[in-house]
Amino acid sequence: DMGACFSKAPRSSPDGFQSAKASATDQPLKLRLPPPWRSETPLSRAELLRMRDEFWDTRVEGAPLVWETLRGAAECEDTETAQAILDAAGIVLPSGMLTSAYDNLGAFYEIPVYCLREPSNLV
């Protein structure tokens, strides 16, 4: 059931993800959360969710299916399913974080940190 991957709950396992790109020794990179960040003005959870929805809903460059796939992986709490989603789509994370990704055609996708991690000053 892939519906669980599209929940609004934040990801809680910073070390549980692995990227689709292998290192020189063919060991998968561990997908890491971006570094902690602080919003210029404190955000409520509702404001953060609104910002995330606005980002995902306004992507016009790149392939819509890739954006949907990246959103599913970003919002997924099940690391095995998230990895399977990325692998199946041929998405590569060069930094080991979902902040930047390439699809199987080489198109670049950038995701802001607020879509991947809550700010330290969430109210």
PDB file of N, CA and C in Angstrom:
ATOM      1  N   ASP A   1       0.848  -1.189   0.000  1.00  0.00           N
ATOM      2  CA  ASP A   1       0.000   0.000   0.000  1.00  0.00           C
ATOM      3  C   ASP A   1       0.880   1.234   0.000  1.00  0.00           C
ATOM      4  N   MET A   2       0.915   1.959  -1.107  1.00  0.00           N
ATOM      5  CA  MET A   2       1.774   3.130  -1.205  1.00  0.00           C
ATOM      6  C   MET A   2       1.128   4.371  -0.614  1.00  0.00           C
ATOM      7  N   GLY A   3      -0.135   4.303  -0.231  1.00  0.00           N
ATOM      8  CA  GLY A   3      -0.797   5.467   0.334  1.00  0.00           C
ATOM      9  C   GLY A   3      -0.124   5.989   1.578  1.00  0.00           C
ATOM     10  N   ALA A   4       0.513   5.105   2.341  1.00  0.00           N
ATOM     11  CA  ALA A   4       1.181   5.526   3.561  1.00  0.00           C
ATOM     12  C   ALA A   4       2.333   6.470   3.269  1.00  0.00           C
ATOM     13  N   CYS A   5       2.888   6.422   2.071  1.00  0.00           N
ATOM     14  CA  CYS A   5       4.014   7.279   1.735  1.00  0.00           C
ATOM     15  C   CYS A   5       3.599   8.710   1.473  1.00  0.00           C
ATOM     16  N   PHE A   6       2.320   8.945   1.285  1.00  0.00           N
ATOM     17  CA  PHE A   6       1.883  10.278   0.956  1.00  0.00           C
ATOM     18  C   PHE A   6       1.224  10.973   2.146  1.00  0.00           C
ATOM     19  N   SER A   7       1.587  10.541   3.344  1.00  0.00           N
ATOM     20  CA  SER A   7       1.053  11.180   4.537  1.00  0.00           C
ATOM     21  C   SER A   7       1.734  12.527   4.742  1.00  0.00           C
ATOM     22  N   LYS A   8       1.142  13.358   5.556  1.00  0.00           N
ATOM     23  CA  LYS A   8       1.707  14.675   5.832  1.00  0.00           C
ATOM     24  C   LYS A   8       2.697  14.643   7.000  1.00  0.00           C
ATOM     25  N   ALA A   9       2.855  13.504   7.633  1.00  0.00           N
ATOM     26  CA  ALA A   9       3.758  13.427   8.782  1.00  0.00           C
ATOM     27  C   ALA A   9       5.200  13.600   8.334  1.00  0.00           C
ATOM     28  N   PRO A  10       6.014  14.320   9.123  1.00  0.00           N
ATOM     29  CA  PRO A  10       7.410  14.497   8.742  1.00  0.00           C
ATOM     30  C   PRO A  10       8.193  13.197   8.887  1.00  0.00           C
ATOM     31  N   ARG A  11       9.230  13.104   8.107  1.00  0.00           N
ATOM     32  CA  ARG A  11      10.107  11.938   8.178  1.00  0.00           C
ATOM     33  C   ARG A  11      10.870  11.982   9.499  1.00  0.00           C
ATOM     34  N   SER A  12      10.987  10.856  10.169  1.00  0.00           N
ATOM     35  CA  SER A  12      11.615  10.873  11.480  1.00  0.00           C
ATOM     36  C   SER A  12      12.909  10.085  11.537  1.00  0.00           C
ATOM     37  N   SER A  13      13.318   9.456  10.443  1.00  0.00           N
ATOM     38  CA  SER A  13      14.506   8.621  10.464  1.00  0.00           C
ATOM     39  C   SER A  13      15.584   9.194   9.558  1.00  0.00           C
ATOM     40  N   PRO A  14      16.457  10.090  10.090  1.00  0.00           N
ATOM     41  CA  PRO A  14      17.422  10.752   9.223  1.00  0.00           C
ATOM     42  C   PRO A  14      18.460   9.811   8.638  1.00  0.00           C
ATOM     43  N   ASP A  15      18.713   8.696   9.238  1.00  0.00           N
ATOM     44  CA  ASP A  15      19.751   7.808   8.739  1.00  0.00           C
ATOM     45  C   ASP A  15      19.194   6.567   8.058  1.00  0.00           C
ATOM     46  N   GLY A  16      17.888   6.437   7.982  1.00  0.00           N
ATOM     47  CA  GLY A  16      17.303   5.212   7.465  1.00  0.00           C
ATOM     48  C   GLY A  16      17.184   5.139   5.961  1.00  0.00           C
ATOM     49  N   PHE A  17      17.297   6.287   5.280  1.00  0.00           N
ATOM     50  CA  PHE A  17      17.152   6.284   3.833  1.00  0.00           C
ATOM     51  C   PHE A  17      18.471   5.998   3.152  1.00  0.00           C
ATOM     52  N   GLN A  18      18.415   5.477   1.952  1.00  0.00           N
ATOM     53  CA  GLN A  18      19.602   5.288   1.135  1.00  0.00           C
ATOM     54  C   GLN A  18      19.325   5.886  -0.230  1.00  0.00           C
ATOM     55  N   SER A  19      20.371   6.455  -0.835  1.00  0.00           N
ATOM     56  CA  SER A  19      20.168   7.041  -2.152  1.00  0.00           C
ATOM     57  C   SER A  19      20.276   5.977  -3.221  1.00  0.00           C
ATOM     58  N   ALA A  20      19.772   6.310  -4.387  1.00  0.00           N
ATOM     59  CA  ALA A  20      19.828   5.369  -5.503  1.00  0.00           C
ATOM     60  C   ALA A  20      21.218   5.325  -6.135  1.00  0.00           C
ATOM     61  N   LYS A  21      22.063   6.292  -5.817  1.00  0.00           N
ATOM     62  CA  LYS A  21      23.393   6.354  -6.427  1.00  0.00           C
ATOM     63  C   LYS A  21      24.399   5.602  -5.562  1.00  0.00           C
ATOM     64  N   ALA A  22      25.145   4.726  -6.156  1.00  0.00           N
ATOM     65  CA  ALA A  22      26.140   3.958  -5.416  1.00  0.00           C
ATOM     66  C   ALA A  22      27.458   4.714  -5.381  1.00  0.00           C
ATOM     67  N   SER A  23      28.230   4.491  -4.344  1.00  0.00           N
ATOM     68  CA  SER A  23      29.547   5.098  -4.230  1.00  0.00           C
ATOM     69  C   SER A  23      30.544   4.288  -5.042  1.00  0.00           C
ATOM     70  N   ALA A  24      31.808   4.679  -4.972  1.00  0.00           N
ATOM     71  CA  ALA A  24      32.852   3.994  -5.743  1.00  0.00           C
ATOM     72  C   ALA A  24      32.951   2.519  -5.356  1.00  0.00           C
ATOM     73  N   THR A  25      32.552   2.176  -4.143  1.00  0.00           N
ATOM     74  CA  THR A  25      32.633   0.786  -3.698  1.00  0.00           C
ATOM     75  C   THR A  25      31.301   0.066  -3.870  1.00  0.00           C
ATOM     76  N   ASP A  26      30.375   0.675  -4.619  1.00  0.00           N
ATOM     77  CA  ASP A  26      29.050   0.112  -4.866  1.00  0.00           C
ATOM     78  C   ASP A  26      28.227  -0.067  -3.594  1.00  0.00           C
ATOM     79  N   GLN A  27      28.531   0.677  -2.565  1.00  0.00           N
ATOM     80  CA  GLN A  27      27.707   0.693  -1.364  1.00  0.00           C
ATOM     81  C   GLN A  27      26.765   1.880  -1.479  1.00  0.00           C
ATOM     82  N   PRO A  28      25.449   1.685  -1.290  1.00  0.00           N
ATOM     83  CA  PRO A  28      24.516   2.805  -1.417  1.00  0.00           C
ATOM     84  C   PRO A  28      24.823   3.891  -0.392  1.00  0.00           C
ATOM     85  N   LEU A  29      24.668   5.144  -0.817  1.00  0.00           N
ATOM     86  CA  LEU A  29      24.811   6.260   0.111  1.00  0.00           C
ATOM     87  C   LEU A  29      23.616   6.254   1.054  1.00  0.00           C
ATOM     88  N   LYS A  30      23.846   6.644   2.289  1.00  0.00           N
ATOM     89  CA  LYS A  30      22.742   6.805   3.226  1.00  0.00           C
ATOM     90  C   LYS A  30      22.079   8.144   2.958  1.00  0.00           C
ATOM     91  N   LEU A  31      20.782   8.126   2.761  1.00  0.00           N
ATOM     92  CA  LEU A  31      20.058   9.372   2.555  1.00  0.00           C
ATOM     93  C   LEU A  31      19.995  10.097   3.889  1.00  0.00           C
ATOM     94  N   ARG A  32      20.465  11.324   3.895  1.00  0.00           N
ATOM     95  CA  ARG A  32      20.509  12.117   5.126  1.00  0.00           C
ATOM     96  C   ARG A  32      19.495  13.252   5.042  1.00  0.00           C
ATOM     97  N   LEU A  33      19.026  13.654   6.211  1.00  0.00           N
ATOM     98  CA  LEU A  33      18.210  14.865   6.267  1.00  0.00           C
ATOM     99  C   LEU A  33      19.124  16.059   6.049  1.00  0.00           C
ATOM    100  N   PRO A  34      18.604  17.136   5.480  1.00  0.00           N
ATOM    101  CA  PRO A  34      19.407  18.356   5.384  1.00  0.00           C
ATOM    102  C   PRO A  34      19.750  18.849   6.787  1.00  0.00           C
ATOM    103  N   PRO A  35      20.756  19.706   6.905  1.00  0.00           N
ATOM    104  CA  PRO A  35      21.111  20.228   8.232  1.00  0.00           C
ATOM    105  C   PRO A  35      19.935  20.970   8.860  1.00  0.00           C
ATOM    106  N   PRO A  36      19.920  21.067  10.189  1.00  0.00           N
ATOM    107  CA  PRO A  36      18.851  21.834  10.854  1.00  0.00           C
ATOM    108  C   PRO A  36      18.816  23.260  10.295  1.00  0.00           C
ATOM    109  N   TRP A  37      17.624  23.824  10.273  1.00  0.00           N
ATOM    110  CA  TRP A  37      17.481  25.190   9.780  1.00  0.00           C
ATOM    111  C   TRP A  37      16.502  25.946  10.642  1.00  0.00           C
ATOM    112  N   ARG A  38      16.575  27.274  10.565  1.00  0.00           N
ATOM    113  CA  ARG A  38      15.720  28.151  11.352  1.00  0.00           C
ATOM    114  C   ARG A  38      15.012  29.096  10.396  1.00  0.00           C
ATOM    115  N   SER A  39      13.704  29.176  10.528  1.00  0.00           N
ATOM    116  CA  SER A  39      12.918  30.084   9.713  1.00  0.00           C
ATOM    117  C   SER A  39      13.163  31.522  10.161  1.00  0.00           C
ATOM    118  N   GLU A  40      13.168  32.457   9.193  1.00  0.00           N
ATOM    119  CA  GLU A  40      13.367  33.870   9.554  1.00  0.00           C
ATOM    120  C   GLU A  40      12.303  34.333  10.533  1.00  0.00           C
ATOM    121  N   THR A  41      11.065  33.916  10.292  1.00  0.00           N
ATOM    122  CA  THR A  41       9.992  34.174  11.247  1.00  0.00           C
ATOM    123  C   THR A  41       9.435  32.817  11.651  1.00  0.00           C
ATOM    124  N   PRO A  42       9.194  32.599  12.935  1.00  0.00           N
ATOM    125  CA  PRO A  42       8.686  31.293  13.375  1.00  0.00           C
ATOM    126  C   PRO A  42       7.417  30.900  12.621  1.00  0.00           C
ATOM    127  N   LEU A  43       7.347  29.637  12.243  1.00  0.00           N
ATOM    128  CA  LEU A  43       6.206  29.111  11.496  1.00  0.00           C
ATOM    129  C   LEU A  43       5.388  28.164  12.366  1.00  0.00           C
ATOM    130  N   SER A  44       4.085  28.185  12.160  1.00  0.00           N
ATOM    131  CA  SER A  44       3.238  27.164  12.776  1.00  0.00           C
ATOM    132  C   SER A  44       3.278  25.940  11.873  1.00  0.00           C
ATOM    133  N   ARG A  45       2.830  24.807  12.367  1.00  0.00           N
ATOM    134  CA  ARG A  45       2.778  23.592  11.549  1.00  0.00           C
ATOM    135  C   ARG A  45       1.875  23.827  10.323  1.00  0.00           C
ATOM    136  N   ALA A  46       0.742  24.510  10.523  1.00  0.00           N
ATOM    137  CA  ALA A  46      -0.183  24.776   9.413  1.00  0.00           C
ATOM    138  C   ALA A  46       0.497  25.633   8.343  1.00  0.00           C
ATOM    139  N   GLU A  47       1.264  26.644   8.756  1.00  0.00           N
ATOM    140  CA  GLU A  47       1.972  27.491   7.789  1.00  0.00           C
ATOM    141  C   GLU A  47       3.024  26.680   7.023  1.00  0.00           C
ATOM    142  N   LEU A  48       3.745  25.822   7.734  1.00  0.00           N
ATOM    143  CA  LEU A  48       4.757  24.981   7.097  1.00  0.00           C
ATOM    144  C   LEU A  48       4.113  24.045   6.074  1.00  0.00           C
ATOM    145  N   LEU A  49       3.006  23.416   6.446  1.00  0.00           N
ATOM    146  CA  LEU A  49       2.308  22.516   5.518  1.00  0.00           C
ATOM    147  C   LEU A  49       1.780  23.270   4.303  1.00  0.00           C
ATOM    148  N   ARG A  50       1.319  24.514   4.512  1.00  0.00           N
ATOM    149  CA  ARG A  50       0.854  25.349   3.392  1.00  0.00           C
ATOM    150  C   ARG A  50       2.011  25.652   2.441  1.00  0.00           C
ATOM    151  N   MET A  51       3.184  26.000   3.014  1.00  0.00           N
ATOM    152  CA  MET A  51       4.362  26.283   2.190  1.00  0.00           C
ATOM    153  C   MET A  51       4.759  25.048   1.381  1.00  0.00           C
ATOM    154  N   ARG A  52       4.737  23.891   2.028  1.00  0.00           N
ATOM    155  CA  ARG A  52       5.091  22.651   1.336  1.00  0.00           C
ATOM    156  C   ARG A  52       4.121  22.364   0.202  1.00  0.00           C
ATOM    157  N   ASP A  53       2.820  22.459   0.490  1.00  0.00           N
ATOM    158  CA  ASP A  53       1.811  22.211  -0.545  1.00  0.00           C
ATOM    159  C   ASP A  53       1.979  23.182  -1.709  1.00  0.00           C
ATOM    160  N   GLU A  54       2.237  24.451  -1.395  1.00  0.00           N
ATOM    161  CA  GLU A  54       2.415  25.451  -2.450  1.00  0.00           C
ATOM    162  C   GLU A  54       3.625  25.094  -3.320  1.00  0.00           C
ATOM    163  N   PHE A  55       4.730  24.689  -2.703  1.00  0.00           N
ATOM    164  CA  PHE A  55       5.902  24.294  -3.484  1.00  0.00           C
ATOM    165  C   PHE A  55       5.559  23.140  -4.422  1.00  0.00           C
ATOM    166  N   TRP A  56       5.036  22.062  -3.849  1.00  0.00           N
ATOM    167  CA  TRP A  56       4.769  20.868  -4.667  1.00  0.00           C
ATOM    168  C   TRP A  56       3.742  21.140  -5.763  1.00  0.00           C
ATOM    169  N   ASP A  57       2.766  21.988  -5.463  1.00  0.00           N
ATOM    170  CA  ASP A  57       1.678  22.236  -6.415  1.00  0.00           C
ATOM    171  C   ASP A  57       2.044  23.223  -7.523  1.00  0.00           C
ATOM    172  N   THR A  58       3.196  23.884  -7.424  1.00  0.00           N
ATOM    173  CA  THR A  58       3.550  24.922  -8.402  1.00  0.00           C
ATOM    174  C   THR A  58       4.764  24.552  -9.248  1.00  0.00           C
ATOM    175  N   ARG A  59       5.177  23.316  -9.254  1.00  0.00           N
ATOM    176  CA  ARG A  59       6.334  22.907 -10.078  1.00  0.00           C
ATOM    177  C   ARG A  59       5.908  22.851 -11.534  1.00  0.00           C
ATOM    178  N   VAL A  60       6.612  23.607 -12.392  1.00  0.00           N
ATOM    179  CA  VAL A  60       6.283  23.619 -13.818  1.00  0.00           C
ATOM    180  C   VAL A  60       7.439  23.120 -14.685  1.00  0.00           C
ATOM    181  N   GLU A  61       8.654  23.119 -14.145  1.00  0.00           N
ATOM    182  CA  GLU A  61       9.797  22.615 -14.899  1.00  0.00           C
ATOM    183  C   GLU A  61      10.012  21.156 -14.547  1.00  0.00           C
ATOM    184  N   GLY A  62      10.531  20.394 -15.488  1.00  0.00           N
ATOM    185  CA  GLY A  62      10.745  18.980 -15.225  1.00  0.00           C
ATOM    186  C   GLY A  62       9.469  18.184 -15.463  1.00  0.00           C
ATOM    187  N   ALA A  63       9.564  16.910 -15.159  1.00  0.00           N
ATOM    188  CA  ALA A  63       8.441  16.000 -15.412  1.00  0.00           C
ATOM    189  C   ALA A  63       7.500  15.936 -14.211  1.00  0.00           C
ATOM    190  N   PRO A  64       6.198  16.128 -14.432  1.00  0.00           N
ATOM    191  CA  PRO A  64       5.243  16.060 -13.319  1.00  0.00           C
ATOM    192  C   PRO A  64       5.322  14.742 -12.547  1.00  0.00           C
ATOM    193  N   LEU A  65       5.522  13.638 -13.231  1.00  0.00           N
ATOM    194  CA  LEU A  65       5.604  12.354 -12.545  1.00  0.00           C
ATOM    195  C   LEU A  65       6.827  12.278 -11.641  1.00  0.00           C
ATOM    196  N   VAL A  66       7.929  12.892 -12.059  1.00  0.00           N
ATOM    197  CA  VAL A  66       9.133  12.901 -11.210  1.00  0.00           C
ATOM    198  C   VAL A  66       8.869  13.737  -9.957  1.00  0.00           C
ATOM    199  N   TRP A  67       8.211  14.892 -10.121  1.00  0.00           N
ATOM    200  CA  TRP A  67       7.869  15.704  -8.948  1.00  0.00           C
ATOM    201  C   TRP A  67       6.974  14.923  -7.980  1.00  0.00           C
ATOM    202  N   GLU A  68       5.991  14.202  -8.522  1.00  0.00           N
ATOM    203  CA  GLU A  68       5.113  13.396  -7.666  1.00  0.00           C
ATOM    204  C   GLU A  68       5.917  12.320  -6.939  1.00  0.00           C
ATOM    205  N   THR A  69       6.858  11.730  -7.640  1.00  0.00           N
ATOM    206  CA  THR A  69       7.699  10.690  -7.046  1.00  0.00           C
ATOM    207  C   THR A  69       8.572  11.269  -5.944  1.00  0.00           C
ATOM    208  N   LEU A  70       9.176  12.424  -6.201  1.00  0.00           N
ATOM    209  CA  LEU A  70      10.021  13.071  -5.187  1.00  0.00           C
ATOM    210  C   LEU A  70       9.198  13.462  -3.959  1.00  0.00           C
ATOM    211  N   ARG A  71       7.992  13.961  -4.195  1.00  0.00           N
ATOM    212  CA  ARG A  71       7.121  14.312  -3.061  1.00  0.00           C
ATOM    213  C   ARG A  71       6.788  13.065  -2.246  1.00  0.00           C
ATOM    214  N   GLY A  72       6.448  11.991  -2.950  1.00  0.00           N
ATOM    215  CA  GLY A  72       6.140  10.744  -2.244  1.00  0.00           C
ATOM    216  C   GLY A  72       7.304  10.276  -1.397  1.00  0.00           C
ATOM    217  N   ALA A  73       8.516  10.336  -1.939  1.00  0.00           N
ATOM    218  CA  ALA A  73       9.694   9.924  -1.171  1.00  0.00           C
ATOM    219  C   ALA A  73       9.953  10.883  -0.009  1.00  0.00           C
ATOM    220  N   ALA A  74       9.768  12.188  -0.235  1.00  0.00           N
ATOM    221  CA  ALA A  74      10.016  13.180   0.815  1.00  0.00           C
ATOM    222  C   ALA A  74       9.043  13.033   1.978  1.00  0.00           C
ATOM    223  N   GLU A  75       7.820  12.618   1.700  1.00  0.00           N
ATOM    224  CA  GLU A  75       6.801  12.529   2.736  1.00  0.00           C
ATOM    225  C   GLU A  75       6.651  11.122   3.302  1.00  0.00           C
ATOM    226  N   CYS A  76       7.421  10.200   2.799  1.00  0.00           N
ATOM    227  CA  CYS A  76       7.295   8.809   3.211  1.00  0.00           C
ATOM    228  C   CYS A  76       8.060   8.536   4.503  1.00  0.00           C
ATOM    229  N   GLU A  77       7.430   7.854   5.435  1.00  0.00           N
ATOM    230  CA  GLU A  77       8.099   7.468   6.676  1.00  0.00           C
ATOM    231  C   GLU A  77       8.704   6.072   6.580  1.00  0.00           C
ATOM    232  N   ASP A  78       8.259   5.292   5.619  1.00  0.00           N
ATOM    233  CA  ASP A  78       8.746   3.927   5.430  1.00  0.00           C
ATOM    234  C   ASP A  78       9.962   3.995   4.510  1.00  0.00           C
ATOM    235  N   THR A  79      11.150   3.824   5.068  1.00  0.00           N
ATOM    236  CA  THR A  79      12.370   4.021   4.304  1.00  0.00           C
ATOM    237  C   THR A  79      12.530   3.019   3.165  1.00  0.00           C
ATOM    238  N   GLU A  80      12.121   1.786   3.374  1.00  0.00           N
ATOM    239  CA  GLU A  80      12.248   0.791   2.305  1.00  0.00           C
ATOM    240  C   GLU A  80      11.358   1.144   1.124  1.00  0.00           C
ATOM    241  N   THR A  81      10.146   1.585   1.400  1.00  0.00           N
ATOM    242  CA  THR A  81       9.236   1.964   0.331  1.00  0.00           C
ATOM    243  C   THR A  81       9.740   3.221  -0.374  1.00  0.00           C
ATOM    244  N   ALA A  82      10.222   4.201   0.394  1.00  0.00           N
ATOM    245  CA  ALA A  82      10.753   5.425  -0.209  1.00  0.00           C
ATOM    246  C   ALA A  82      11.919   5.100  -1.139  1.00  0.00           C
ATOM    247  N   GLN A  83      12.812   4.227  -0.696  1.00  0.00           N
ATOM    248  CA  GLN A  83      13.944   3.844  -1.531  1.00  0.00           C
ATOM    249  C   GLN A  83      13.472   3.124  -2.785  1.00  0.00           C
ATOM    250  N   ALA A  84      12.489   2.246  -2.642  1.00  0.00           N
ATOM    251  CA  ALA A  84      11.960   1.525  -3.798  1.00  0.00           C
ATOM    252  C   ALA A  84      11.336   2.498  -4.804  1.00  0.00           C
ATOM    253  N   ILE A  85      10.665   3.530  -4.306  1.00  0.00           N
ATOM    254  CA  ILE A  85      10.058   4.540  -5.172  1.00  0.00           C
ATOM    255  C   ILE A  85      11.144   5.253  -5.982  1.00  0.00           C
ATOM    256  N   LEU A  86      12.197   5.691  -5.304  1.00  0.00           N
ATOM    257  CA  LEU A  86      13.293   6.387  -5.989  1.00  0.00           C
ATOM    258  C   LEU A  86      13.989   5.472  -6.989  1.00  0.00           C
ATOM    259  N   ASP A  87      14.265   4.251  -6.562  1.00  0.00           N
ATOM    260  CA  ASP A  87      14.949   3.291  -7.440  1.00  0.00           C
ATOM    261  C   ASP A  87      14.123   3.000  -8.685  1.00  0.00           C
ATOM    262  N   ALA A  88      12.825   2.758  -8.496  1.00  0.00           N
ATOM    263  CA  ALA A  88      11.955   2.411  -9.624  1.00  0.00           C
ATOM    264  C   ALA A  88      11.882   3.540 -10.639  1.00  0.00           C
ATOM    265  N   ALA A  89      11.991   4.778 -10.162  1.00  0.00           N
ATOM    266  CA  ALA A  89      11.910   5.933 -11.055  1.00  0.00           C
ATOM    267  C   ALA A  89      13.271   6.309 -11.633  1.00  0.00           C
ATOM    268  N   GLY A  90      14.339   5.644 -11.189  1.00  0.00           N
ATOM    269  CA  GLY A  90      15.676   5.964 -11.685  1.00  0.00           C
ATOM    270  C   GLY A  90      16.178   7.312 -11.202  1.00  0.00           C
ATOM    271  N   ILE A  91      15.727   7.733 -10.018  1.00  0.00           N
ATOM    272  CA  ILE A  91      16.120   9.027  -9.472  1.00  0.00           C
ATOM    273  C   ILE A  91      17.406   8.867  -8.671  1.00  0.00           C
ATOM    274  N   VAL A  92      18.366   9.766  -8.935  1.00  0.00           N
ATOM    275  CA  VAL A  92      19.667   9.740  -8.286  1.00  0.00           C
ATOM    276  C   VAL A  92      19.801  10.980  -7.408  1.00  0.00           C
ATOM    277  N   LEU A  93      20.311  10.782  -6.201  1.00  0.00           N
ATOM    278  CA  LEU A  93      20.522  11.872  -5.247  1.00  0.00           C
ATOM    279  C   LEU A  93      22.030  12.057  -5.067  1.00  0.00           C
ATOM    280  N   PRO A  94      22.654  12.972  -5.795  1.00  0.00           N
ATOM    281  CA  PRO A  94      24.112  13.084  -5.756  1.00  0.00           C
ATOM    282  C   PRO A  94      24.673  13.455  -4.390  1.00  0.00           C
ATOM    283  N   SER A  95      23.912  14.190  -3.578  1.00  0.00           N
ATOM    284  CA  SER A  95      24.399  14.603  -2.260  1.00  0.00           C
ATOM    285  C   SER A  95      23.978  13.638  -1.164  1.00  0.00           C
ATOM    286  N   GLY A  96      23.148  12.650  -1.495  1.00  0.00           N
ATOM    287  CA  GLY A  96      22.598  11.767  -0.476  1.00  0.00           C
ATOM    288  C   GLY A  96      21.411  12.380   0.244  1.00  0.00           C
ATOM    289  N   MET A  97      20.986  13.579  -0.207  1.00  0.00           N
ATOM    290  CA  MET A  97      19.828  14.249   0.383  1.00  0.00           C
ATOM    291  C   MET A  97      18.824  14.543  -0.723  1.00  0.00           C
ATOM    292  N   LEU A  98      17.567  14.619  -0.374  1.00  0.00           N
ATOM    293  CA  LEU A  98      16.521  14.916  -1.345  1.00  0.00           C
ATOM    294  C   LEU A  98      16.489  16.384  -1.768  1.00  0.00           C
ATOM    295  N   THR A  99      17.436  17.180  -1.283  1.00  0.00           N
ATOM    296  CA  THR A  99      17.477  18.587  -1.687  1.00  0.00           C
ATOM    297  C   THR A  99      17.837  18.741  -3.152  1.00  0.00           C
ATOM    298  N   SER A 100      18.528  17.750  -3.724  1.00  0.00           N
ATOM    299  CA  SER A 100      18.856  17.797  -5.148  1.00  0.00           C
ATOM    300  C   SER A 100      18.783  16.392  -5.718  1.00  0.00           C
ATOM    301  N   ALA A 101      18.222  16.292  -6.921  1.00  0.00           N
ATOM    302  CA  ALA A 101      18.020  14.983  -7.535  1.00  0.00           C
ATOM    303  C   ALA A 101      18.103  15.112  -9.052  1.00  0.00           C
ATOM    304  N   TYR A 102      18.443  14.001  -9.683  1.00  0.00           N
ATOM    305  CA  TYR A 102      18.427  13.902 -11.135  1.00  0.00           C
ATOM    306  C   TYR A 102      17.510  12.752 -11.514  1.00  0.00           C
ATOM    307  N   ASP A 103      16.707  12.978 -12.566  1.00  0.00           N
ATOM    308  CA  ASP A 103      15.885  11.873 -13.049  1.00  0.00           C
ATOM    309  C   ASP A 103      16.695  11.032 -14.033  1.00  0.00           C
ATOM    310  N   ASN A 104      16.084   9.998 -14.568  1.00  0.00           N
ATOM    311  CA  ASN A 104      16.813   9.071 -15.437  1.00  0.00           C
ATOM    312  C   ASN A 104      17.173   9.680 -16.784  1.00  0.00           C
ATOM    313  N   LEU A 105      16.672  10.875 -17.092  1.00  0.00           N
ATOM    314  CA  LEU A 105      17.055  11.570 -18.319  1.00  0.00           C
ATOM    315  C   LEU A 105      18.084  12.667 -18.060  1.00  0.00           C
ATOM    316  N   GLY A 106      18.493  12.811 -16.788  1.00  0.00           N
ATOM    317  CA  GLY A 106      19.495  13.810 -16.434  1.00  0.00           C
ATOM    318  C   GLY A 106      18.946  15.165 -16.046  1.00  0.00           C
ATOM    319  N   ALA A 107      17.617  15.316 -15.986  1.00  0.00           N
ATOM    320  CA  ALA A 107      17.022  16.590 -15.566  1.00  0.00           C
ATOM    321  C   ALA A 107      17.248  16.781 -14.067  1.00  0.00           C
ATOM    322  N   PHE A 108      17.540  18.015 -13.667  1.00  0.00           N
ATOM    323  CA  PHE A 108      17.840  18.355 -12.276  1.00  0.00           C
ATOM    324  C   PHE A 108      16.591  18.852 -11.566  1.00  0.00           C
ATOM    325  N   TYR A 109      16.422  18.434 -10.318  1.00  0.00           N
ATOM    326  CA  TYR A 109      15.290  18.836  -9.472  1.00  0.00           C
ATOM    327  C   TYR A 109      15.856  19.308  -8.142  1.00  0.00           C
ATOM    328  N   GLU A 110      15.357  20.439  -7.667  1.00  0.00           N
ATOM    329  CA  GLU A 110      15.814  20.983  -6.394  1.00  0.00           C
ATOM    330  C   GLU A 110      14.618  21.129  -5.465  1.00  0.00           C
ATOM    331  N   ILE A 111      14.795  20.678  -4.231  1.00  0.00           N
ATOM    332  CA  ILE A 111      13.720  20.709  -3.239  1.00  0.00           C
ATOM    333  C   ILE A 111      14.194  21.531  -2.050  1.00  0.00           C
ATOM    334  N   PRO A 112      13.430  22.547  -1.640  1.00  0.00           N
ATOM    335  CA  PRO A 112      13.848  23.368  -0.499  1.00  0.00           C
ATOM    336  C   PRO A 112      13.796  22.580   0.810  1.00  0.00           C
ATOM    337  N   VAL A 113      14.653  22.991   1.714  1.00  0.00           N
ATOM    338  CA  VAL A 113      14.776  22.283   2.980  1.00  0.00           C
ATOM    339  C   VAL A 113      13.456  22.244   3.746  1.00  0.00           C
ATOM    340  N   TYR A 114      12.623  23.270   3.612  1.00  0.00           N
ATOM    341  CA  TYR A 114      11.370  23.279   4.372  1.00  0.00           C
ATOM    342  C   TYR A 114      10.417  22.162   3.954  1.00  0.00           C
ATOM    343  N   CYS A 115      10.639  21.567   2.781  1.00  0.00           N
ATOM    344  CA  CYS A 115       9.822  20.426   2.353  1.00  0.00           C
ATOM    345  C   CYS A 115      10.342  19.112   2.934  1.00  0.00           C
ATOM    346  N   LEU A 116      11.526  19.149   3.520  1.00  0.00           N
ATOM    347  CA  LEU A 116      12.175  17.930   3.972  1.00  0.00           C
ATOM    348  C   LEU A 116      12.389  17.856   5.473  1.00  0.00           C
ATOM    349  N   ARG A 117      12.419  19.007   6.122  1.00  0.00           N
ATOM    350  CA  ARG A 117      12.701  19.039   7.555  1.00  0.00           C
ATOM    351  C   ARG A 117      11.997  20.229   8.181  1.00  0.00           C
ATOM    352  N   GLU A 118      11.495  20.031   9.395  1.00  0.00           N
ATOM    353  CA  GLU A 118      10.853  21.133  10.105  1.00  0.00           C
ATOM    354  C   GLU A 118      11.912  22.107  10.601  1.00  0.00           C
ATOM    355  N   PRO A 119      11.573  23.414  10.686  1.00  0.00           N
ATOM    356  CA  PRO A 119      12.535  24.367  11.234  1.00  0.00           C
ATOM    357  C   PRO A 119      12.702  24.164  12.734  1.00  0.00           C
ATOM    358  N   SER A 120      13.832  24.606  13.253  1.00  0.00           N
ATOM    359  CA  SER A 120      14.084  24.449  14.693  1.00  0.00           C
ATOM    360  C   SER A 120      13.174  25.344  15.521  1.00  0.00           C
ATOM    361  N   ASN A 121      12.603  26.394  14.890  1.00  0.00           N
ATOM    362  CA  ASN A 121      11.742  27.319  15.625  1.00  0.00           C
ATOM    363  C   ASN A 121      10.263  27.178  15.241  1.00  0.00           C
ATOM    364  N   LEU A 122       9.839  25.944  14.924  1.00  0.00           N
ATOM    365  CA  LEU A 122       8.432  25.683  14.638  1.00  0.00           C
ATOM    366  C   LEU A 122       7.609  25.992  15.887  1.00  0.00           C
ATOM    367  N   VAL A 123       6.514  26.727  15.718  1.00  0.00           N
ATOM    368  CA  VAL A 123       5.677  27.075  16.893  1.00  0.00           C
ATOM    369  C   VAL A 123       4.369  26.323  16.866  1.00  0.00           C
TER     370      VAL A 123
END
